């Protein structure tokens, strides 16, 4: 059962099928893992219910984040075992001059303490990983990500992290526009709204990427690594 099955009617799904949407894009032979914005500011220091977690960081997604982090950890392990590239697009600590439209829409994002920007230790970067600071939702906008991916000869992007409706979706659309194959493991991305999470996964699945479980992803990764 997909996250969106209780929200999207059979009639709507039929309409997408009739238009030819929802086909699989598949996986190439040179995957790169993106772990987007998995910092304490989006997860909290430890698993807590949402309303408890936001007392610590107002931008936290609570338990939902930690459920996804557990699955990201498994995907990351597969990448480490195969020496495949891992990239961490992330929000850097905000300065006063970073405000802009985002601060106008979400003023609390300007008040996150420095420790909130640290990477969650369970899936923290290692020395060979690439760190990409970003100011906007898409990991591509105004960053050097495309240049790194070209250099790595990446043909498939695995997008994990948060939020599904924000930085994940924006990055998916830009990656699609650049003609990458894209896979979004549905249980390795997270959002503070389960409804928004599900609806955006449906739209991503229909138009831009393959949306599968982390277990299915790891099975596919093992096939291309020869470990099946």
Protein backbone atom coordinates (compact mmCIF):
# COMPACT_ATOMS: atom_id res chain seq x y z
CA UNK A 1 0.00 0.00 0.00
CA UNK A 2 1.33 3.39 -1.02
CA UNK A 3 1.26 6.43 1.33
CA UNK A 4 -1.24 8.18 -0.93
CA UNK A 5 -3.72 5.33 -1.46
CA UNK A 6 -6.21 6.64 1.12
CA UNK A 7 -6.09 10.16 -0.31
CA UNK A 8 -6.08 9.70 -4.08
CA UNK A 9 -9.23 8.18 -5.54
CA UNK A 10 -9.21 5.33 -8.03
CA UNK A 11 -10.79 7.71 -10.53
CA UNK A 12 -7.90 10.15 -10.18
CA UNK A 13 -5.35 7.36 -10.54
CA UNK A 14 -7.19 6.17 -13.64
CA UNK A 15 -6.97 9.68 -15.12
CA UNK A 16 -3.20 9.71 -14.66
CA UNK A 17 -2.89 6.23 -16.23
CA UNK A 18 -4.99 7.35 -19.19
CA UNK A 19 -2.60 10.27 -19.78
CA UNK A 20 0.40 7.93 -19.64
CA UNK A 21 1.85 9.09 -16.33
CA UNK A 22 3.40 6.89 -13.65
CA UNK A 23 5.81 4.78 -15.71
CA UNK A 24 9.02 3.58 -14.11
CA UNK A 25 12.25 5.37 -14.96
CA UNK A 26 14.50 2.64 -13.63
CA UNK A 27 18.01 2.80 -12.26
CA UNK A 28 21.31 3.30 -14.02
CA UNK A 29 24.71 1.93 -13.04
CA UNK A 30 26.21 4.99 -11.28
CA UNK A 31 24.03 6.06 -8.36
CA UNK A 32 24.66 8.96 -6.00
CA UNK A 33 22.90 9.36 -2.66
CA UNK A 34 21.64 12.77 -1.58
CA UNK A 35 20.86 13.21 2.12
CA UNK A 36 19.04 16.52 2.22
CA UNK A 37 18.71 18.66 5.36
CA UNK A 38 18.91 15.81 7.88
CA UNK A 39 20.04 18.07 10.71
CA UNK A 40 18.90 18.31 14.31
CA UNK A 41 16.80 21.33 13.40
CA UNK A 42 14.54 19.04 11.30
CA UNK A 43 14.64 15.96 13.54
CA UNK A 44 15.27 17.03 17.10
CA UNK A 45 18.11 15.65 19.22
CA UNK A 46 16.25 12.39 19.85
CA UNK A 47 12.98 10.72 18.82
CA UNK A 48 10.02 12.57 20.31
CA UNK A 49 6.39 13.14 19.36
CA UNK A 50 5.99 16.16 17.10
CA UNK A 51 4.56 18.56 19.68
CA UNK A 52 7.36 17.76 22.10
CA UNK A 53 10.05 17.96 19.45
CA UNK A 54 9.11 21.45 18.26
CA UNK A 55 9.71 22.80 21.76
CA UNK A 56 13.36 22.07 21.07
CA UNK A 57 13.48 23.20 17.42
CA UNK A 58 10.37 24.78 15.85
CA UNK A 59 11.29 23.31 12.45
CA UNK A 60 11.55 19.73 13.76
CA UNK A 61 9.39 16.95 12.34
CA UNK A 62 9.61 14.73 15.43
CA UNK A 63 9.22 10.94 15.36
CA UNK A 64 8.44 11.00 11.65
CA UNK A 65 11.98 12.21 11.01
CA UNK A 66 13.58 9.49 13.11
CA UNK A 67 11.58 6.76 11.41
CA UNK A 68 12.98 7.97 8.09
CA UNK A 69 16.49 8.37 9.52
CA UNK A 70 16.50 4.69 10.47
CA UNK A 71 15.82 3.82 6.83
CA UNK A 72 18.33 6.34 5.50
CA UNK A 73 20.92 4.65 7.69
CA UNK A 74 20.35 1.33 5.89
CA UNK A 75 20.64 2.94 2.46
CA UNK A 76 23.76 4.79 3.55
CA UNK A 77 25.31 1.52 4.71
CA UNK A 78 24.84 0.07 1.22
CA UNK A 79 26.50 3.12 -0.33
CA UNK A 80 29.41 2.92 2.12
CA UNK A 81 29.90 -0.78 1.35
CA UNK A 82 30.13 -0.04 -2.37
CA UNK A 83 32.16 3.18 -2.12
CA UNK A 84 29.44 5.03 -4.00
CA UNK A 85 29.25 8.83 -3.64
CA UNK A 86 27.20 10.46 -0.90
CA UNK A 87 26.33 14.16 -0.99
CA UNK A 88 24.83 16.23 1.84
CA UNK A 89 22.91 19.28 0.62
CA UNK A 90 22.13 21.22 3.79
CA UNK A 91 21.04 24.54 5.20
CA UNK A 92 23.94 26.48 6.69
CA UNK A 93 23.47 28.60 9.84
CA UNK A 94 21.40 31.66 9.03
CA UNK A 95 22.89 35.15 9.15
CA UNK A 96 20.82 38.31 9.29
CA UNK A 97 21.44 38.96 5.60
CA UNK A 98 20.09 35.50 4.69
CA UNK A 99 16.50 36.48 5.48
CA UNK A 100 14.80 37.14 2.16
CA UNK A 101 11.44 35.67 1.24
CA UNK A 102 11.89 32.54 3.33
CA UNK A 103 12.28 34.57 6.52
CA UNK A 104 9.20 36.54 5.55
CA UNK A 105 7.20 33.33 5.21
CA UNK A 106 8.83 31.35 8.07
CA UNK A 107 10.45 33.82 10.50
CA UNK A 108 11.28 31.12 13.08
CA UNK A 109 13.82 29.62 10.70
CA UNK A 110 16.09 32.58 11.50
CA UNK A 111 16.22 31.71 15.21
CA UNK A 112 17.64 28.18 15.14
CA UNK A 113 20.67 27.83 17.49
CA UNK A 114 23.96 26.74 15.93
CA UNK A 115 23.77 23.18 17.25
CA UNK A 116 20.51 22.74 15.34
CA UNK A 117 22.49 22.85 12.09
CA UNK A 118 24.66 19.88 13.03
CA UNK A 119 24.11 16.68 11.04
CA UNK A 120 22.28 13.89 12.84
CA UNK A 121 25.13 11.74 14.15
CA UNK A 122 23.61 8.40 13.10
CA UNK A 123 24.04 9.35 9.43
CA UNK A 124 26.64 12.11 9.66
CA UNK A 125 29.07 12.79 6.78
CA UNK A 126 32.46 11.15 6.57
CA UNK A 127 35.61 12.77 5.20
CA UNK A 128 35.12 11.57 1.61
CA UNK A 129 31.53 12.88 1.38
CA UNK A 130 30.58 16.10 -0.39
CA UNK A 131 28.85 18.88 1.57
CA UNK A 132 26.68 21.34 -0.36
CA UNK A 133 25.42 24.35 1.62
CA UNK A 134 22.25 25.79 0.13
CA UNK A 135 20.01 28.77 0.71
CA UNK A 136 16.90 27.68 -1.18
CA UNK A 137 14.73 24.54 -1.28
CA UNK A 138 16.32 22.90 -4.31
CA UNK A 139 19.73 21.31 -3.77
CA UNK A 140 20.57 22.53 -7.29
CA UNK A 141 19.56 26.19 -7.13
CA UNK A 142 22.61 28.42 -6.74
CA UNK A 143 24.90 25.50 -5.78
CA UNK A 144 27.69 23.46 -7.38
CA UNK A 145 25.75 20.18 -7.18
CA UNK A 146 25.40 19.69 -10.94
CA UNK A 147 29.13 20.12 -11.43
CA UNK A 148 29.90 17.44 -8.84
CA UNK A 149 27.39 15.04 -10.39
CA UNK A 150 28.87 15.48 -13.85
CA UNK A 151 32.35 14.85 -12.48
CA UNK A 152 31.09 11.69 -10.74
CA UNK A 153 29.37 10.52 -13.95
CA UNK A 154 26.18 10.07 -11.95
CA UNK A 155 23.18 8.74 -13.87
CA UNK A 156 20.84 8.01 -10.95
CA UNK A 157 20.03 10.14 -7.93
CA UNK A 158 18.63 8.67 -4.72
CA UNK A 159 16.95 11.47 -2.77
CA UNK A 160 16.43 11.12 0.98
CA UNK A 161 15.77 13.59 3.79
CA UNK A 162 13.30 16.41 4.15
CA UNK A 163 10.89 17.87 3.70
CA UNK A 164 9.01 15.82 1.14
CA UNK A 165 6.86 18.76 0.10
CA UNK A 166 9.70 21.29 0.15
CA UNK A 167 13.37 20.58 -0.47
CA UNK A 168 12.84 17.00 -1.69
CA UNK A 169 10.21 17.96 -4.24
CA UNK A 170 12.13 21.03 -5.42
CA UNK A 171 15.30 18.98 -5.85
CA UNK A 172 13.42 16.20 -7.65
CA UNK A 173 11.98 18.63 -10.18
CA UNK A 174 15.37 20.19 -10.89
CA UNK A 175 17.05 16.77 -11.15
CA UNK A 176 14.34 15.66 -13.59
CA UNK A 177 14.87 18.82 -15.62
CA UNK A 178 18.57 17.89 -15.86
CA UNK A 179 17.63 14.42 -17.16
CA UNK A 180 18.80 12.31 -14.21
CA UNK A 181 17.07 9.09 -13.27
CA UNK A 182 15.57 9.66 -9.83
CA UNK A 183 14.49 7.36 -7.03
CA UNK A 184 12.75 8.56 -3.88
CA UNK A 185 12.47 5.94 -1.13
CA UNK A 186 9.09 6.79 0.38
CA UNK A 187 10.07 5.76 3.92
CA UNK A 188 13.40 7.62 3.85
CA UNK A 189 11.92 11.08 3.31
CA UNK A 190 9.85 12.98 5.83
CA UNK A 191 7.58 15.95 6.41
CA UNK A 192 5.74 17.53 9.33
CA UNK A 193 2.47 16.96 7.44
CA UNK A 194 1.62 13.37 6.59
CA UNK A 195 -0.99 14.56 4.10
CA UNK A 196 1.44 16.83 2.29
CA UNK A 197 4.03 14.03 2.41
CA UNK A 198 1.66 11.57 0.76
CA UNK A 199 0.25 13.92 -1.88
CA UNK A 200 3.69 15.09 -2.95
CA UNK A 201 4.98 11.53 -3.16
CA UNK A 202 2.06 10.69 -5.44
CA UNK A 203 2.78 13.65 -7.71
CA UNK A 204 6.51 12.89 -7.74
CA UNK A 205 5.79 9.25 -8.58
CA UNK A 206 3.49 10.12 -11.43
CA UNK A 207 5.67 12.76 -13.11
CA UNK A 208 9.30 12.78 -12.07
CA UNK A 209 10.73 9.79 -10.18
CA UNK A 210 10.32 6.20 -9.06
CA UNK A 211 8.88 6.14 -5.54
CA UNK A 212 9.64 2.84 -3.83
CA UNK A 213 10.41 1.55 -0.33
CA UNK A 214 13.92 1.61 1.09
CA UNK A 215 13.86 -2.21 1.11
CA UNK A 216 13.06 -2.30 -2.60
CA UNK A 217 15.77 0.27 -3.21
CA UNK A 218 18.41 -1.75 -1.38
CA UNK A 219 17.45 -4.83 -3.40
CA UNK A 220 17.99 -2.87 -6.62
CA UNK A 221 21.27 -1.46 -5.35
CA UNK A 222 22.51 -4.92 -4.48
CA UNK A 223 21.77 -6.08 -8.01
CA UNK A 224 23.89 -3.41 -9.64
CA UNK A 225 26.67 -3.95 -7.11
CA UNK A 226 26.72 -7.68 -7.75
CA UNK A 227 25.80 -8.50 -4.14
CA UNK A 228 22.38 -10.02 -4.85
